[in-house]
C-alpha atoms as a PDB file:
ATOM      1  CA  MET A   1     132.867  64.948 111.581  1.00  0.00           C
ATOM      2  CA  LYS A   2     130.222  64.468 114.300  1.00  0.00           C
ATOM      3  CA  SER A   3     131.801  67.173 116.271  1.00  0.00           C
ATOM      4  CA  PHE A   4     131.783  69.777 113.349  1.00  0.00           C
ATOM      5  CA  LYS A   5     127.960  69.013 112.888  1.00  0.00           C
ATOM      6  CA  TYR A   6     127.455  70.036 116.335  1.00  0.00           C
ATOM      7  CA  ILE A   7     129.684  73.181 115.766  1.00  0.00           C
ATOM      8  CA  ILE A   8     127.206  74.005 112.863  1.00  0.00           C
ATOM      9  CA  ILE A   9     124.223  73.433 114.965  1.00  0.00           C
ATOM     10  CA  LEU A  10     125.644  75.917 117.663  1.00  0.00           C
ATOM     11  CA  VAL A  11     126.369  78.635 115.174  1.00  0.00           C
ATOM     12  CA  ILE A  12     123.012  78.619 113.535  1.00  0.00           C
ATOM     13  CA  PHE A  13     121.630  79.575 116.895  1.00  0.00           C
ATOM     14  CA  LEU A  14     124.482  81.661 118.094  1.00  0.00           C
ATOM     15  CA  LYS A  15     122.559  85.057 116.997  1.00  0.00           C
ATOM     16  CA  THR A  16     118.772  85.227 116.568  1.00  0.00           C
ATOM     17  CA  GLY A  17     118.473  88.784 115.960  1.00  0.00           C
ATOM     18  CA  ASN A  18     115.771  89.902 113.555  1.00  0.00           C
ATOM     19  CA  VAL A  19     116.710  93.763 113.235  1.00  0.00           C
ATOM     20  CA  LEU A  20     116.273  93.563 109.356  1.00  0.00           C
ATOM     21  CA  SER A  21     113.042  91.108 109.772  1.00  0.00           C
ATOM     22  CA  LYS A  22     110.599  91.268 106.920  1.00  0.00           C
ATOM     23  CA  ASN A  23     107.905  91.467 109.511  1.00  0.00           C
ATOM     24  CA  ASN A  24     106.859  95.093 109.405  1.00  0.00           C
ATOM     25  CA  LEU A  25     105.482  95.660 112.922  1.00  0.00           C
ATOM     26  CA  PHE A  26     108.231  98.157 113.677  1.00  0.00           C
ATOM     27  CA  ASN A  27     108.629  99.501 109.943  1.00  0.00           C
ATOM     28  CA  VAL A  28     106.747 102.568 108.782  1.00  0.00           C
ATOM     29  CA  ASN A  29     106.214 102.888 104.949  1.00  0.00           C
ATOM     30  CA  ASN A  30     105.197 105.506 102.466  1.00  0.00           C
ATOM     31  CA  ILE A  31     106.239 108.429 104.429  1.00  0.00           C
ATOM     32  CA  GLU A  32     105.858 111.415 102.061  1.00  0.00           C
ATOM     33  CA  ILE A  33     107.858 114.599 102.741  1.00  0.00           C
ATOM     34  CA  THR A  34     107.551 117.885 100.834  1.00  0.00           C
ATOM     35  CA  LYS A  35     110.351 120.429 101.139  1.00  0.00           C
ATOM     36  CA  LYS A  36     112.070 123.379  99.139  1.00  0.00           C
ATOM     37  CA  ALA A  37     113.861 122.402  96.022  1.00  0.00           C
ATOM     38  CA  SER A  38     117.145 123.133  97.645  1.00  0.00           C
ATOM     39  CA  SER A  39     116.750 121.039 100.766  1.00  0.00           C
ATOM     40  CA  ASN A  40     119.288 117.987 101.072  1.00  0.00           C
ATOM     41  CA  ASN A  41     118.789 114.373 101.740  1.00  0.00           C
ATOM     42  CA  GLU A  42     119.643 114.812 105.374  1.00  0.00           C
ATOM     43  CA  ILE A  43     116.660 117.228 106.038  1.00  0.00           C
ATOM     44  CA  PHE A  44     114.261 115.128 104.329  1.00  0.00           C
ATOM     45  CA  ALA A  45     115.507 112.126 106.241  1.00  0.00           C
ATOM     46  CA  ASN A  46     115.007 113.822 109.516  1.00  0.00           C
ATOM     47  CA  GLN A  47     111.556 114.920 109.025  1.00  0.00           C
ATOM     48  CA  ALA A  48     110.589 111.391 107.685  1.00  0.00           C
ATOM     49  CA  ILE A  49     112.193 109.867 110.784  1.00  0.00           C
ATOM     50  CA  LYS A  50     110.151 112.316 113.213  1.00  0.00           C
ATOM     51  CA  GLN A  51     106.800 111.485 111.221  1.00  0.00           C
ATOM     52  CA  GLY A  52     107.729 107.725 111.071  1.00  0.00           C
ATOM     53  CA  PHE A  53     108.121 107.556 114.725  1.00  0.00           C
ATOM     54  CA  ASN A  54     104.877 109.380 115.463  1.00  0.00           C
ATOM     55  CA  GLU A  55     103.184 107.090 113.059  1.00  0.00           C
ATOM     56  CA  LEU A  56     104.727 103.958 114.909  1.00  0.00           C
ATOM     57  CA  ILE A  57     103.933 104.778 118.346  1.00  0.00           C
ATOM     58  CA  ASP A  58     100.147 105.732 117.463  1.00  0.00           C
ATOM     59  CA  ARG A  59     100.032 102.325 115.863  1.00  0.00           C
ATOM     60  CA  VAL A  60     101.567 100.221 118.754  1.00  0.00           C
ATOM     61  CA  LEU A  61     100.730 102.117 121.933  1.00  0.00           C
ATOM     62  CA  LEU A  62      97.542 102.842 123.791  1.00  0.00           C
ATOM     63  CA  LYS A  63      96.626 106.461 123.648  1.00  0.00           C
ATOM     64  CA  GLU A  64      97.415 107.102 127.346  1.00  0.00           C
ATOM     65  CA  ASP A  65     100.957 105.756 126.694  1.00  0.00           C
ATOM     66  CA  ILE A  66     101.616 107.816 123.719  1.00  0.00           C
ATOM     67  CA  SER A  67     101.968 111.060 126.090  1.00  0.00           C
ATOM     68  CA  LYS A  68     104.942 109.398 127.743  1.00  0.00           C
ATOM     69  CA  LEU A  69     106.994 109.637 124.632  1.00  0.00           C
ATOM     70  CA  GLU A  70     105.886 113.148 123.454  1.00  0.00           C
ATOM     71  CA  ASN A  71     108.943 114.991 125.008  1.00  0.00           C
ATOM     72  CA  LEU A  72     111.467 112.499 123.702  1.00  0.00           C
ATOM     73  CA  ASP A  73     114.301 114.410 121.755  1.00  0.00           C
ATOM     74  CA  PHE A  74     115.169 113.759 118.108  1.00  0.00           C
ATOM     75  CA  THR A  75     118.763 112.341 118.845  1.00  0.00           C
ATOM     76  CA  THR A  76     116.993 109.692 120.794  1.00  0.00           C
ATOM     77  CA  ILE A  77     114.515 108.922 118.168  1.00  0.00           C
ATOM     78  CA  LYS A  78     117.039 109.043 115.306  1.00  0.00           C
ATOM     79  CA  ASN A  79     119.218 106.316 117.274  1.00  0.00           C
ATOM     80  CA  LEU A  80     116.034 104.229 117.262  1.00  0.00           C
ATOM     81  CA  VAL A  81     116.547 103.853 113.381  1.00  0.00           C
ATOM     82  CA  SER A  82     118.168 100.692 111.846  1.00  0.00           C
ATOM     83  CA  TYR A  83     118.001 102.341 108.346  1.00  0.00           C
ATOM     84  CA  TYR A  84     115.842 104.078 105.820  1.00  0.00           C
ATOM     85  CA  GLN A  85     115.054 103.859 102.181  1.00  0.00           C
ATOM     86  CA  ILE A  86     113.984 106.590  99.720  1.00  0.00           C
ATOM     87  CA  THR A  87     111.380 105.059  97.610  1.00  0.00           C
ATOM     88  CA  GLY A  88     110.329 107.759  95.255  1.00  0.00           C
ATOM     89  CA  GLU A  89     111.021 111.287  94.369  1.00  0.00           C
ATOM     90  CA  GLN A  90     109.317 114.131  92.545  1.00  0.00           C
ATOM     91  CA  LYS A  91     110.366 117.606  91.983  1.00  0.00           C
ATOM     92  CA  ASP A  92     109.419 120.970  90.645  1.00  0.00           C
ATOM     93  CA  SER A  93     111.051 124.536  90.518  1.00  0.00           C
ATOM     94  CA  LYS A  94     109.792 125.357  93.955  1.00  0.00           C
ATOM     95  CA  ALA A  95     109.592 122.155  95.970  1.00  0.00           C
ATOM     96  CA  LYS A  96     110.626 118.468  96.041  1.00  0.00           C
ATOM     97  CA  THR A  97     108.598 115.228  97.331  1.00  0.00           C
ATOM     98  CA  LYS A  98     110.246 112.151  98.593  1.00  0.00           C
ATOM     99  CA  LYS A  99     108.742 108.959  99.890  1.00  0.00           C
ATOM    100  CA  PHE A 100     110.485 107.049 102.586  1.00  0.00           C
ATOM    101  CA  ASN A 101     110.438 103.521 104.402  1.00  0.00           C
ATOM    102  CA  ILE A 102     111.804 103.762 108.110  1.00  0.00           C
ATOM    103  CA  PHE A 103     112.901 100.516 109.694  1.00  0.00           C
ATOM    104  CA  PHE A 104     113.208 101.002 113.452  1.00  0.00           C
ATOM    105  CA  ASP A 105     115.364  98.688 115.628  1.00  0.00           C
ATOM    106  CA  LYS A 106     113.342  96.196 117.574  1.00  0.00           C
ATOM    107  CA  ASP A 107     115.719  95.664 120.590  1.00  0.00           C
ATOM    108  CA  LYS A 108     116.008  99.429 121.108  1.00  0.00           C
ATOM    109  CA  LEU A 109     112.385 100.028 120.978  1.00  0.00           C
ATOM    110  CA  HIS A 110     112.095  97.356 123.368  1.00  0.00           C
ATOM    111  CA  ASN A 111     114.785  99.028 125.725  1.00  0.00           C
ATOM    112  CA  LEU A 112     112.875 102.351 125.424  1.00  0.00           C
ATOM    113  CA  PHE A 113     109.379 100.751 126.228  1.00  0.00           C
ATOM    114  CA  PHE A 114     110.872  98.816 129.310  1.00  0.00           C
ATOM    115  CA  THR A 115     112.588 102.065 130.728  1.00  0.00           C
ATOM    116  CA  LYS A 116     109.277 103.910 130.407  1.00  0.00           C
ATOM    117  CA  GLY A 117     107.017 101.064 131.671  1.00  0.00           C
ATOM    118  CA  ILE A 118     105.196 100.930 128.461  1.00  0.00           C
ATOM    119  CA  SER A 119     103.557  97.804 126.953  1.00  0.00           C
ATOM    120  CA  TYR A 120     102.981  97.897 123.158  1.00  0.00           C
ATOM    121  CA  SER A 121     100.430  96.046 120.938  1.00  0.00           C
ATOM    122  CA  ASP A 122     101.254  93.947 118.264  1.00  0.00           C
ATOM    123  CA  ILE A 123      98.204  93.731 116.236  1.00  0.00           C
ATOM    124  CA  LEU A 124      98.796  94.404 112.438  1.00  0.00           C
ATOM    125  CA  LYS A 125      96.055  94.212 109.627  1.00  0.00           C
ATOM    126  CA  ASN A 126      93.722  92.153 112.145  1.00  0.00           C
ATOM    127  CA  GLU A 127      90.094  91.954 111.022  1.00  0.00           C
ATOM    128  CA  LEU A 128      87.034  93.146 112.812  1.00  0.00           C
ATOM    129  CA  TYR A 129      83.519  92.695 111.588  1.00  0.00           C
ATOM    130  CA  LEU A 130      81.400  95.556 112.337  1.00  0.00           C
ATOM    131  CA  LEU A 131      77.664  96.810 111.840  1.00  0.00           C
ATOM    132  CA  PRO A 132      76.880 100.477 112.629  1.00  0.00           C
ATOM    133  CA  ILE A 133      73.215 101.149 113.327  1.00  0.00           C
ATOM    134  CA  LEU A 134      71.811 104.624 113.148  1.00  0.00           C
ATOM    135  CA  LYS A 135      68.722 105.678 115.305  1.00  0.00           C
ATOM    136  CA  LYS A 136      67.033 109.060 114.367  1.00  0.00           C
ATOM    137  CA  GLN A 137      63.618 110.487 115.266  1.00  0.00           C
ATOM    138  CA  ASP A 138      62.652 106.907 116.658  1.00  0.00           C
ATOM    139  CA  GLN A 139      63.567 105.190 113.489  1.00  0.00           C
ATOM    140  CA  LEU A 140      66.407 102.689 112.963  1.00  0.00           C
ATOM    141  CA  TYR A 141      68.634 102.600 109.817  1.00  0.00           C
ATOM    142  CA  ILE A 142      70.405  99.402 109.560  1.00  0.00           C
ATOM    143  CA  TYR A 143      71.612  99.221 105.851  1.00  0.00           C
ATOM    144  CA  SER A 144      69.648 101.564 103.603  1.00  0.00           C
ATOM    145  CA  GLN A 145      69.756 105.416 104.350  1.00  0.00           C
ATOM    146  CA  ASN A 146      72.360 104.615 106.977  1.00  0.00           C
ATOM    147  CA  PHE A 147      75.409 107.058 106.446  1.00  0.00           C
ATOM    148  CA  PHE A 148      77.696 104.945 108.691  1.00  0.00           C
ATOM    149  CA  TYR A 149      76.969 101.936 106.829  1.00  0.00           C
ATOM    150  CA  GLU A 150      77.383 103.323 103.467  1.00  0.00           C
ATOM    151  CA  ASN A 151      80.696 105.419 104.470  1.00  0.00           C
ATOM    152  CA  TRP A 152      82.475 103.601 107.125  1.00  0.00           C
ATOM    153  CA  ASN A 153      85.285 102.508 104.807  1.00  0.00           C
ATOM    154  CA  LYS A 154      85.257 105.562 102.692  1.00  0.00           C
ATOM    155  CA  SER A 155      88.951 106.447 104.281  1.00  0.00           C
ATOM    156  CA  ASN A 156      90.491 103.326 105.449  1.00  0.00           C
ATOM    157  CA  GLU A 157      94.139 104.157 104.866  1.00  0.00           C
ATOM    158  CA  ASP A 158      97.000 102.738 106.994  1.00  0.00           C
ATOM    159  CA  GLU A 159      94.637 101.434 109.639  1.00  0.00           C
ATOM    160  CA  ILE A 160      95.871  98.532 111.841  1.00  0.00           C
ATOM    161  CA  LEU A 161      92.320  96.896 111.964  1.00  0.00           C
ATOM    162  CA  GLU A 162      90.384  96.057 108.643  1.00  0.00           C
ATOM    163  CA  PHE A 163      86.772  96.867 109.419  1.00  0.00           C
ATOM    164  CA  ASN A 164      84.497  94.394 107.575  1.00  0.00           C
ATOM    165  CA  LEU A 165      80.663  95.532 107.058  1.00  0.00           C
ATOM    166  CA  PRO A 166      78.263  92.552 106.482  1.00  0.00           C
ATOM    167  CA  LEU A 167      76.026  92.330 103.718  1.00  0.00           C
ATOM    168  CA  GLU A 168      72.263  93.147 104.036  1.00  0.00           C
ATOM    169  CA  ASN A 169      70.434  90.079 105.570  1.00  0.00           C
ATOM    170  CA  ILE A 170      66.895  89.864 106.142  1.00  0.00           C
ATOM    171  CA  GLU A 171      67.433  87.664 109.222  1.00  0.00           C
ATOM    172  CA  THR A 172      69.700  90.440 110.696  1.00  0.00           C
ATOM    173  CA  ILE A 173      66.816  92.961 110.360  1.00  0.00           C
ATOM    174  CA  GLN A 174      64.475  90.873 112.013  1.00  0.00           C
ATOM    175  CA  LYS A 175      66.447  90.193 114.913  1.00  0.00           C
ATOM    176  CA  ILE A 176      67.419  93.758 115.280  1.00  0.00           C
ATOM    177  CA  ASN A 177      63.659  94.819 115.077  1.00  0.00           C
ATOM    178  CA  ILE A 178      62.928  92.348 117.905  1.00  0.00           C
ATOM    179  CA  TYR A 179      65.339  94.162 120.085  1.00  0.00           C
ATOM    180  CA  LYS A 180      64.693  97.597 118.983  1.00  0.00           C
ATOM    181  CA  ASN A 181      64.052  98.746 122.340  1.00  0.00           C
ATOM    182  CA  ASN A 182      67.121  97.029 123.991  1.00  0.00           C
ATOM    183  CA  LEU A 183      69.596  97.028 121.284  1.00  0.00           C
ATOM    184  CA  LEU A 184      72.195  96.409 123.725  1.00  0.00           C
ATOM    185  CA  GLY A 185      70.905  93.556 124.692  1.00  0.00           C
ATOM    186  CA  LEU A 186      71.561  91.751 121.206  1.00  0.00           C
ATOM    187  CA  ASP A 187      73.873  88.884 121.104  1.00  0.00           C
ATOM    188  CA  LEU A 188      76.763  89.865 118.800  1.00  0.00           C
ATOM    189  CA  ARG A 189      76.980  86.140 117.464  1.00  0.00           C
ATOM    190  CA  ASP A 190      73.462  86.311 116.550  1.00  0.00           C
ATOM    191  CA  ILE A 191      74.067  89.042 113.975  1.00  0.00           C
ATOM    192  CA  PHE A 192      77.487  87.777 112.874  1.00  0.00           C
ATOM    193  CA  LEU A 193      76.617  84.096 112.442  1.00  0.00           C
ATOM    194  CA  GLU A 194      79.338  83.320 109.811  1.00  0.00           C
ATOM    195  CA  TYR A 195      81.998  85.177 111.920  1.00  0.00           C
ATOM    196  CA  THR A 196      81.527  84.044 115.615  1.00  0.00           C
ATOM    197  CA  GLN A 197      85.244  83.354 115.979  1.00  0.00           C
ATOM    198  CA  LYS A 198      86.137  86.849 114.819  1.00  0.00           C
ATOM    199  CA  ASN A 199      86.482  90.249 116.459  1.00  0.00           C
ATOM    200  CA  LEU A 200      83.064  91.810 116.430  1.00  0.00           C
ATOM    201  CA  ALA A 201      81.518  95.059 116.927  1.00  0.00           C
ATOM    202  CA  LEU A 202      78.114  96.811 116.910  1.00  0.00           C
ATOM    203  CA  VAL A 203      78.013 100.499 117.110  1.00  0.00           C
ATOM    204  CA  LEU A 204      74.684 102.209 118.026  1.00  0.00           C
ATOM    205  CA  ILE A 205      74.302 105.796 117.088  1.00  0.00           C
ATOM    206  CA  ASN A 206      71.763 107.815 118.502  1.00  0.00           C
ATOM    207  CA  ASP A 207      71.148 111.137 116.721  1.00  0.00           C
ATOM    208  CA  THR A 208      68.971 113.377 119.102  1.00  0.00           C
ATOM    209  CA  GLY A 209      69.896 116.757 117.414  1.00  0.00           C
ATOM    210  CA  SER A 210      71.818 117.699 120.593  1.00  0.00           C
ATOM    211  CA  LEU A 211      74.910 119.425 120.846  1.00  0.00           C
ATOM    212  CA  GLU A 212      76.392 116.224 122.152  1.00  0.00           C
ATOM    213  CA  GLU A 213      75.567 112.758 121.021  1.00  0.00           C
ATOM    214  CA  LYS A 214      75.996 109.339 122.472  1.00  0.00           C
ATOM    215  CA  VAL A 215      77.352 106.423 120.791  1.00  0.00           C
ATOM    216  CA  PHE A 216      77.530 102.941 122.155  1.00  0.00           C
ATOM    217  CA  LEU A 217      79.989 100.316 121.426  1.00  0.00           C
ATOM    218  CA  LYS A 218      79.321  96.606 121.935  1.00  0.00           C
ATOM    219  CA  THR A 219      82.262  94.553 121.155  1.00  0.00           C
ATOM    220  CA  ILE A 220      83.884  91.115 121.408  1.00  0.00           C
ATOM    221  CA  ILE A 221      87.697  91.451 120.813  1.00  0.00           C
ATOM    222  CA  MET A 222      89.926  88.438 121.235  1.00  0.00           C
ATOM    223  CA  GLY A 223      86.916  86.547 122.776  1.00  0.00           C
ATOM    224  CA  LYS A 224      86.516  89.218 125.493  1.00  0.00           C
ATOM    225  CA  SER A 225      83.206  91.359 125.588  1.00  0.00           C
ATOM    226  CA  ILE A 226      83.729  94.924 125.848  1.00  0.00           C
ATOM    227  CA  ASN A 227      81.221  97.724 126.077  1.00  0.00           C
ATOM    228  CA  LYS A 228      81.982 101.304 125.893  1.00  0.00           C
ATOM    229  CA  ASN A 229      80.234 104.693 125.694  1.00  0.00           C
ATOM    230  CA  LEU A 230      81.252 107.776 123.807  1.00  0.00           C
ATOM    231  CA  LEU A 231      80.268 111.374 123.655  1.00  0.00           C
ATOM    232  CA  VAL A 232      80.861 113.149 120.418  1.00  0.00           C
ATOM    233  CA  LYS A 233      80.358 116.905 120.183  1.00  0.00           C
ATOM    234  CA  ARG A 234      78.477 118.403 117.216  1.00  0.00           C
ATOM    235  CA  LEU A 235      80.674 121.591 117.059  1.00  0.00           C
ATOM    236  CA  ASN A 236      80.127 123.564 114.039  1.00  0.00           C
ATOM    237  CA  PHE A 237      79.808 120.564 111.634  1.00  0.00           C
ATOM    238  CA  ASN A 238      77.225 119.957 109.130  1.00  0.00           C
ATOM    239  CA  GLU A 239      75.411 116.488 109.407  1.00  0.00           C
ATOM    240  CA  ASP A 240      77.848 114.710 107.089  1.00  0.00           C
ATOM    241  CA  GLU A 241      80.851 116.428 108.828  1.00  0.00           C
ATOM    242  CA  PHE A 242      79.554 115.327 112.127  1.00  0.00           C
ATOM    243  CA  TYR A 243      78.734 111.860 111.063  1.00  0.00           C
ATOM    244  CA  GLU A 244      82.364 111.641 109.560  1.00  0.00           C
ATOM    245  CA  ASN A 245      83.664 112.666 112.997  1.00  0.00           C
ATOM    246  CA  ILE A 246      81.732 110.117 114.982  1.00  0.00           C
ATOM    247  CA  ILE A 247      83.318 107.353 112.406  1.00  0.00           C
ATOM    248  CA  PHE A 248      86.792 108.615 112.774  1.00  0.00           C
ATOM    249  CA  ASN A 249      86.407 108.725 116.875  1.00  0.00           C
ATOM    250  CA  VAL A 250      84.582 105.415 116.855  1.00  0.00           C
ATOM    251  CA  LYS A 251      87.431 103.913 114.828  1.00  0.00           C
ATOM    252  CA  LYS A 252      89.954 105.219 117.163  1.00  0.00           C
ATOM    253  CA  GLU A 253      88.372 103.728 120.218  1.00  0.00           C
ATOM    254  CA  ILE A 254      87.923 100.303 118.830  1.00  0.00           C
ATOM    255  CA  VAL A 255      91.481 100.196 117.813  1.00  0.00           C
ATOM    256  CA  ASN A 256      92.569 101.386 121.291  1.00  0.00           C
ATOM    257  CA  LEU A 257      90.225  98.552 122.451  1.00  0.00           C
ATOM    258  CA  ALA A 258      91.872  96.054 120.238  1.00  0.00           C
ATOM    259  CA  LYS A 259      95.516  97.249 121.338  1.00  0.00           C
ATOM    260  CA  SER A 260      94.431  96.789 124.975  1.00  0.00           C
ATOM    261  CA  GLN A 261      93.784  93.076 124.349  1.00  0.00           C
ATOM    262  CA  ASN A 262      97.028  92.354 122.363  1.00  0.00           C
ATOM    263  CA  LEU A 263      99.741  94.069 124.928  1.00  0.00           C
ATOM    264  CA  ILE A 264     103.293  92.830 125.146  1.00  0.00           C
ATOM    265  CA  ASP A 265     104.843  93.414 128.482  1.00  0.00           C
ATOM    266  CA  ILE A 266     108.721  93.592 127.857  1.00  0.00           C
ATOM    267  CA  SER A 267     109.231  93.020 131.491  1.00  0.00           C
ATOM    268  CA  THR A 268     107.636  89.547 131.675  1.00  0.00           C
ATOM    269  CA  PRO A 269     109.105  87.279 129.002  1.00  0.00           C
ATOM    270  CA  SER A 270     108.122  83.688 128.671  1.00  0.00           C
ATOM    271  CA  PHE A 271     110.247  80.492 127.819  1.00  0.00           C
ATOM    272  CA  LEU A 272     109.111  77.370 125.937  1.00  0.00           C
ATOM    273  CA  ASN A 273     111.212  74.228 125.889  1.00  0.00           C
ATOM    274  CA  THR A 274     110.775  72.339 122.321  1.00  0.00           C
ATOM    275  CA  LYS A 275     112.110  69.425 120.344  1.00  0.00           C
ATOM    276  CA  PHE A 276     113.042  69.767 116.656  1.00  0.00           C
ATOM    277  CA  LYS A 277     113.828  66.749 114.585  1.00  0.00           C
ATOM    278  CA  LEU A 278     116.743  67.065 112.214  1.00  0.00           C
ATOM    279  CA  ASP A 279     116.953  65.982 108.654  1.00  0.00           C
ATOM    280  CA  LYS A 280     120.121  64.397 107.446  1.00  0.00           C
ATOM    281  CA  LYS A 281     121.925  67.414 106.060  1.00  0.00           C
ATOM    282  CA  ASN A 282     120.198  70.148 108.779  1.00  0.00           C
ATOM    283  CA  ASN A 283     118.641  72.081 105.930  1.00  0.00           C
ATOM    284  CA  ASN A 284     115.361  72.160 108.005  1.00  0.00           C
ATOM    285  CA  LEU A 285     117.326  73.683 110.994  1.00  0.00           C
ATOM    286  CA  VAL A 286     118.745  76.510 108.683  1.00  0.00           C
ATOM    287  CA  GLU A 287     115.195  76.999 107.491  1.00  0.00           C
ATOM    288  CA  LEU A 288     113.650  77.082 110.873  1.00  0.00           C
ATOM    289  CA  ARG A 289     116.173  79.640 111.953  1.00  0.00           C
ATOM    290  CA  LYS A 290     115.328  81.921 108.815  1.00  0.00           C
ATOM    291  CA  ARG A 291     111.830  81.591 109.525  1.00  0.00           C
ATOM    292  CA  ILE A 292     111.852  82.391 113.179  1.00  0.00           C
ATOM    293  CA  ASN A 293     113.919  85.510 112.420  1.00  0.00           C
ATOM    294  CA  ASN A 294     110.835  86.820 111.044  1.00  0.00           C
ATOM    295  CA  ILE A 295     108.749  86.643 114.243  1.00  0.00           C
ATOM    296  CA  ASP A 296     109.393  89.720 116.534  1.00  0.00           C
ATOM    297  CA  LEU A 297     107.682  88.222 119.649  1.00  0.00           C
ATOM    298  CA  ILE A 298     110.603  85.662 119.813  1.00  0.00           C
ATOM    299  CA  GLU A 299     113.491  87.272 121.721  1.00  0.00           C
ATOM    300  CA  ASN A 300     115.901  84.446 121.395  1.00  0.00           C
ATOM    301  CA  ILE A 301     116.593  80.536 121.005  1.00  0.00           C
ATOM    302  CA  TYR A 302     118.968  78.525 123.232  1.00  0.00           C
ATOM    303  CA  VAL A 303     120.204  75.143 122.394  1.00  0.00           C
ATOM    304  CA  GLN A 304     119.788  73.011 125.256  1.00  0.00           C
ATOM    305  CA  GLU A 305     120.721  69.472 123.864  1.00  0.00           C
ATOM    306  CA  PHE A 306     121.582  68.102 120.409  1.00  0.00           C
ATOM    307  CA  ASN A 307     122.077  64.634 118.940  1.00  0.00           C
ATOM    308  CA  ASN A 308     121.811  63.203 115.453  1.00  0.00           C
ATOM    309  CA  GLU A 309     118.352  63.054 115.629  1.00  0.00           C
ATOM    310  CA  TYR A 310     117.066  66.280 117.094  1.00  0.00           C
ATOM    311  CA  VAL A 311     117.800  69.532 118.943  1.00  0.00           C
ATOM    312  CA  LEU A 312     116.295  70.737 122.258  1.00  0.00           C
ATOM    313  CA  LEU A 313     115.597  74.315 121.935  1.00  0.00           C
ATOM    314  CA  LYS A 314     114.521  76.919 124.418  1.00  0.00           C
ATOM    315  CA  ILE A 315     112.725  79.724 123.063  1.00  0.00           C
ATOM    316  CA  LYS A 316     112.294  83.231 124.858  1.00  0.00           C
ATOM    317  CA  TYR A 317     109.331  84.982 123.641  1.00  0.00           C
ATOM    318  CA  LEU A 318     107.031  87.780 124.617  1.00  0.00           C
ATOM    319  CA  GLY A 319     103.348  87.743 124.749  1.00  0.00           C
ATOM    320  CA  LYS A 320     100.882  84.754 125.078  1.00  0.00           C
ATOM    321  CA  ILE A 321     101.461  81.304 123.852  1.00  0.00           C
ATOM    322  CA  ASP A 322      98.493  81.279 121.562  1.00  0.00           C
ATOM    323  CA  LYS A 323      99.812  84.322 119.851  1.00  0.00           C
ATOM    324  CA  ILE A 324     103.224  82.676 119.323  1.00  0.00           C
ATOM    325  CA  ILE A 325     101.464  79.462 117.862  1.00  0.00           C
ATOM    326  CA  ASP A 326      99.810  81.823 115.333  1.00  0.00           C
ATOM    327  CA  GLN A 327     102.949  83.594 114.311  1.00  0.00           C
ATOM    328  CA  LEU A 328     104.541  80.386 113.940  1.00  0.00           C
ATOM    329  CA  LYS A 329     101.873  79.262 111.591  1.00  0.00           C
ATOM    330  CA  GLU A 330     102.126  82.511 109.592  1.00  0.00           C
ATOM    331  CA  GLN A 331     105.878  81.363 109.090  1.00  0.00           C
ATOM    332  CA  LYS A 332     104.674  77.803 108.175  1.00  0.00           C
ATOM    333  CA  ILE A 333     105.991  76.236 111.619  1.00  0.00           C
ATOM    334  CA  LEU A 334     103.844  73.794 113.465  1.00  0.00           C
ATOM    335  CA  LEU A 335     104.108  73.923 117.077  1.00  0.00           C
ATOM    336  CA  SER A 336     102.398  71.179 118.753  1.00  0.00           C
ATOM    337  CA  LEU A 337     102.037  69.361 122.328  1.00  0.00           C
ATOM    338  CA  THR A 338     102.486  65.667 122.401  1.00  0.00           C
ATOM    339  CA  GLN A 339     102.673  63.693 125.888  1.00  0.00           C
ATOM    340  CA  ASP A 340     103.889  67.239 127.692  1.00  0.00           C
ATOM    341  CA  MET A 341     106.507  67.667 125.100  1.00  0.00           C
ATOM    342  CA  TRP A 342     106.290  70.586 122.661  1.00  0.00           C
ATOM    343  CA  SER A 343     107.796  70.012 119.199  1.00  0.00           C
ATOM    344  CA  LEU A 344     108.468  72.170 116.172  1.00  0.00           C
ATOM    345  CA  LYS A 345     108.186  71.181 112.669  1.00  0.00           C
ATOM    346  CA  VAL A 346     108.834  73.217 109.393  1.00  0.00           C
ATOM    347  CA  ILE A 347     106.019  72.735 106.893  1.00  0.00           C
END
């Protein structure tokens, strides 16, 4: 009977793939394709796969790495797909519109990124607290009459960063006025007092009426201070269009900065040895396996030792240990360190 129990333990961790994981880092949803009414499902699906792949790499890769995959042929792209779903359909006499969810294979994507020498970012719907300040004709606009504050989240669809703007605060206005001649000298934590542990950004837009305007970014992302200058051309835009273009470019730059602080290097996995206590029926072991399958950063789990009381596991993972701890918490798995021994517990 005891040996049968051990066999069950080994079988539970024999295969740890999460190709069909509920985690949606490598899933692209709500892709809308419109074609002629006579088009068949394959034509729709191929177009959805192309569009889904472009959206995926735009979401997880740095802008300088996206170009490395621009010439990838469609056969290779299609082979990266685990499966797809048609979630909606509308049609009239001339055209049909279908919605798709595309599910890409994590392991195949990892292999692709490895061969191309690409690191990817695993950020997904992270929060960032941001305050845009407009300077125009030597006047500072913080909350009122500030196009950027009023319209920053006017278009906020499918963004991997959730931009949160603080409510109007008289103390913040006073601090900014003190530093009005040296806004880059502001300490971000002084104007985001309630969010000092979050990702933060101060955006300074100086509108001088020139053909090209400077935008200054002062950020703290993943605890690291990063400053950046942007130049945005006015082109033939009117003022509102120009300001909207500034928002678009600044968002893209901040997202790229956030990606750069959350990169996963496929070529350098890490390993973690941990103990997991068993209940009498091993139900918690099955539950552990189920929840871990939802974590894309965990590559594999190996059984090192087992007995009636616990299992020693070796976890192969990508990225930093604090990221793994956070993702385990999201799955209600507690990873703790006691007397130089890591232990796992299903909450």
